[in-house]
Amino acid sequence: MPDMVLAVVLAVVLAVLLVSVIGMVVTLVRFDRQVSASERAMLPAMQDKLTELARARARLLQASQEVQED
């Protein structure tokens, strides 16, 4: 009889641990998807900034060449 109680207690503990681990994995996957979605939302703004920086760089290079020509 004590062996049966021990087996049941052990089975319950293992089941609780399994459910807990599954819950943590689900939470991590959800968090990862939320981060990915927010990163995708920021991409157009980042591309606009990069375009703006590239244009500013081109203007600086052109101004530098004009100064060297003078």
N, C-alpha and C. Protein backbone atom coordinates (compact mmCIF):
# COMPACT_ATOMS: atom_id res chain seq x y z
N MET A 1 0.81 -1.21 0.00
CA MET A 1 0.00 0.00 0.00
C MET A 1 0.85 1.27 0.00
N PRO A 2 1.89 1.38 0.86
CA PRO A 2 2.72 2.59 0.82
C PRO A 2 3.40 2.78 -0.53
N ASP A 3 3.75 1.69 -1.21
CA ASP A 3 4.36 1.81 -2.53
C ASP A 3 3.39 2.42 -3.53
N MET A 4 2.12 2.05 -3.41
CA MET A 4 1.09 2.57 -4.30
C MET A 4 0.91 4.08 -4.08
N VAL A 5 0.90 4.52 -2.83
CA VAL A 5 0.76 5.94 -2.50
C VAL A 5 1.96 6.72 -3.04
N LEU A 6 3.14 6.17 -2.85
CA LEU A 6 4.36 6.81 -3.35
C LEU A 6 4.32 6.93 -4.87
N ALA A 7 3.85 5.89 -5.54
CA ALA A 7 3.77 5.91 -7.00
C ALA A 7 2.78 6.97 -7.47
N VAL A 8 1.65 7.08 -6.78
CA VAL A 8 0.64 8.08 -7.16
C VAL A 8 1.18 9.49 -6.93
N VAL A 9 1.82 9.71 -5.78
CA VAL A 9 2.39 11.03 -5.49
C VAL A 9 3.45 11.38 -6.53
N LEU A 10 4.30 10.43 -6.86
CA LEU A 10 5.34 10.65 -7.86
C LEU A 10 4.72 10.96 -9.23
N ALA A 11 3.68 10.25 -9.59
CA ALA A 11 3.02 10.49 -10.88
C ALA A 11 2.41 11.89 -10.91
N VAL A 12 1.80 12.31 -9.81
CA VAL A 12 1.21 13.66 -9.75
C VAL A 12 2.29 14.72 -9.86
N VAL A 13 3.38 14.53 -9.15
CA VAL A 13 4.49 15.50 -9.21
C VAL A 13 5.04 15.60 -10.62
N LEU A 14 5.24 14.46 -11.27
CA LEU A 14 5.75 14.47 -12.64
C LEU A 14 4.76 15.13 -13.60
N ALA A 15 3.47 14.89 -13.41
CA ALA A 15 2.46 15.52 -14.26
C ALA A 15 2.47 17.03 -14.08
N VAL A 16 2.58 17.49 -12.85
CA VAL A 16 2.63 18.93 -12.59
C VAL A 16 3.87 19.55 -13.22
N LEU A 17 5.00 18.88 -13.10
CA LEU A 17 6.23 19.39 -13.72
C LEU A 17 6.10 19.45 -15.24
N LEU A 18 5.50 18.43 -15.82
CA LEU A 18 5.32 18.41 -17.27
C LEU A 18 4.42 19.55 -17.72
N VAL A 19 3.32 19.76 -17.04
CA VAL A 19 2.41 20.86 -17.38
C VAL A 19 3.13 22.20 -17.21
N SER A 20 3.93 22.33 -16.19
CA SER A 20 4.67 23.57 -15.94
C SER A 20 5.66 23.84 -17.07
N VAL A 21 6.39 22.84 -17.49
CA VAL A 21 7.36 23.00 -18.58
C VAL A 21 6.64 23.35 -19.88
N ILE A 22 5.54 22.69 -20.16
CA ILE A 22 4.78 23.00 -21.38
C ILE A 22 4.29 24.45 -21.33
N GLY A 23 3.82 24.89 -20.17
CA GLY A 23 3.38 26.27 -20.02
C GLY A 23 4.49 27.27 -20.27
N MET A 24 5.69 26.97 -19.77
CA MET A 24 6.83 27.87 -19.99
C MET A 24 7.20 27.93 -21.47
N VAL A 25 7.18 26.80 -22.15
CA VAL A 25 7.51 26.76 -23.58
C VAL A 25 6.49 27.57 -24.37
N VAL A 26 5.22 27.40 -24.06
CA VAL A 26 4.17 28.16 -24.76
C VAL A 26 4.36 29.65 -24.53
N THR A 27 4.68 30.04 -23.30
CA THR A 27 4.90 31.45 -22.99
C THR A 27 6.09 32.00 -23.78
N LEU A 28 7.18 31.24 -23.85
CA LEU A 28 8.35 31.69 -24.60
C LEU A 28 8.05 31.83 -26.08
N VAL A 29 7.30 30.89 -26.64
CA VAL A 29 6.95 30.96 -28.06
C VAL A 29 6.09 32.19 -28.34
N ARG A 30 5.12 32.45 -27.47
CA ARG A 30 4.27 33.63 -27.65
C ARG A 30 5.10 34.91 -27.58
N PHE A 31 5.99 34.98 -26.60
CA PHE A 31 6.84 36.16 -26.45
C PHE A 31 7.69 36.37 -27.69
N ASP A 32 8.27 35.27 -28.21
CA ASP A 32 9.11 35.35 -29.40
C ASP A 32 8.31 35.86 -30.59
N ARG A 33 7.07 35.41 -30.73
CA ARG A 33 6.23 35.87 -31.85
C ARG A 33 5.89 37.35 -31.69
N GLN A 34 5.65 37.79 -30.47
CA GLN A 34 5.34 39.21 -30.25
C GLN A 34 6.55 40.08 -30.59
N VAL A 35 7.73 39.63 -30.19
CA VAL A 35 8.95 40.39 -30.50
C VAL A 35 9.16 40.43 -32.01
N SER A 36 8.95 39.30 -32.68
CA SER A 36 9.13 39.26 -34.12
C SER A 36 8.15 40.21 -34.81
N ALA A 37 6.92 40.23 -34.33
CA ALA A 37 5.92 41.12 -34.93
C ALA A 37 6.30 42.59 -34.73
N SER A 38 6.79 42.93 -33.55
CA SER A 38 7.18 44.32 -33.30
C SER A 38 8.41 44.69 -34.12
N GLU A 39 9.31 43.75 -34.31
CA GLU A 39 10.49 44.02 -35.15
C GLU A 39 10.06 44.25 -36.60
N ARG A 40 9.12 43.44 -37.07
CA ARG A 40 8.63 43.63 -38.44
C ARG A 40 7.94 44.98 -38.59
N ALA A 41 7.26 45.41 -37.56
CA ALA A 41 6.58 46.71 -37.61
C ALA A 41 7.59 47.85 -37.67
N MET A 42 8.76 47.65 -37.11
CA MET A 42 9.77 48.71 -37.09
C MET A 42 10.60 48.75 -38.38
N LEU A 43 10.53 47.72 -39.20
CA LEU A 43 11.38 47.66 -40.39
C LEU A 43 11.19 48.85 -41.34
N PRO A 44 9.97 49.26 -41.68
CA PRO A 44 9.84 50.40 -42.59
C PRO A 44 10.50 51.67 -42.04
N ALA A 45 10.35 51.92 -40.76
CA ALA A 45 10.98 53.11 -40.16
C ALA A 45 12.50 53.00 -40.23
N MET A 46 13.02 51.81 -39.98
CA MET A 46 14.47 51.63 -40.05
C MET A 46 14.96 51.80 -41.49
N GLN A 47 14.19 51.31 -42.46
CA GLN A 47 14.58 51.47 -43.86
C GLN A 47 14.55 52.94 -44.26
N ASP A 48 13.55 53.68 -43.77
CA ASP A 48 13.49 55.12 -44.06
C ASP A 48 14.71 55.84 -43.49
N LYS A 49 15.09 55.47 -42.27
CA LYS A 49 16.28 56.09 -41.65
C LYS A 49 17.53 55.78 -42.46
N LEU A 50 17.67 54.52 -42.90
CA LEU A 50 18.84 54.15 -43.69
C LEU A 50 18.88 54.91 -45.01
N THR A 51 17.72 55.08 -45.63
CA THR A 51 17.65 55.84 -46.88
C THR A 51 18.05 57.29 -46.63
N GLU A 52 17.54 57.85 -45.55
CA GLU A 52 17.88 59.23 -45.19
C GLU A 52 19.38 59.38 -44.95
N LEU A 53 19.96 58.42 -44.24
CA LEU A 53 21.41 58.46 -43.98
C LEU A 53 22.21 58.32 -45.27
N ALA A 54 21.75 57.47 -46.17
CA ALA A 54 22.46 57.29 -47.44
C ALA A 54 22.41 58.58 -48.27
N ARG A 55 21.27 59.24 -48.26
CA ARG A 55 21.16 60.51 -49.00
C ARG A 55 22.06 61.58 -48.39
N ALA A 56 22.10 61.64 -47.06
CA ALA A 56 22.95 62.62 -46.39
C ALA A 56 24.42 62.34 -46.70
N ARG A 57 24.78 61.08 -46.72
CA ARG A 57 26.16 60.70 -47.06
C ARG A 57 26.50 61.12 -48.48
N ALA A 58 25.57 60.89 -49.40
CA ALA A 58 25.80 61.27 -50.80
C ALA A 58 25.97 62.79 -50.92
N ARG A 59 25.14 63.55 -50.19
CA ARG A 59 25.28 65.01 -50.22
C ARG A 59 26.64 65.45 -49.67
N LEU A 60 27.06 64.81 -48.58
CA LEU A 60 28.37 65.15 -48.01
C LEU A 60 29.51 64.83 -48.97
N LEU A 61 29.43 63.68 -49.62
CA LEU A 61 30.47 63.32 -50.58
C LEU A 61 30.50 64.31 -51.74
N GLN A 62 29.32 64.70 -52.22
CA GLN A 62 29.25 65.64 -53.32
C GLN A 62 29.83 66.99 -52.90
N ALA A 63 29.48 67.45 -51.71
CA ALA A 63 30.00 68.73 -51.22
C ALA A 63 31.51 68.65 -51.04
N SER A 64 31.99 67.52 -50.57
CA SER A 64 33.43 67.35 -50.39
C SER A 64 34.15 67.39 -51.73
N GLN A 65 33.58 66.77 -52.75
CA GLN A 65 34.20 66.80 -54.08
C GLN A 65 34.18 68.20 -54.67
N GLU A 66 33.09 68.93 -54.42
CA GLU A 66 33.01 70.30 -54.94
C GLU A 66 34.06 71.19 -54.28
N VAL A 67 34.29 70.99 -52.99
CA VAL A 67 35.30 71.78 -52.29
C VAL A 67 36.68 71.44 -52.80
N GLN A 68 36.93 70.18 -53.08
CA GLN A 68 38.25 69.77 -53.59
C GLN A 68 38.49 70.31 -54.99
N GLU A 69 37.44 70.44 -55.79
CA GLU A 69 37.58 70.97 -57.15
C GLU A 69 37.91 72.46 -57.16
N ASP A 70 37.45 73.16 -56.12
CA ASP A 70 37.70 74.61 -56.04
C ASP A 70 39.08 74.89 -55.60
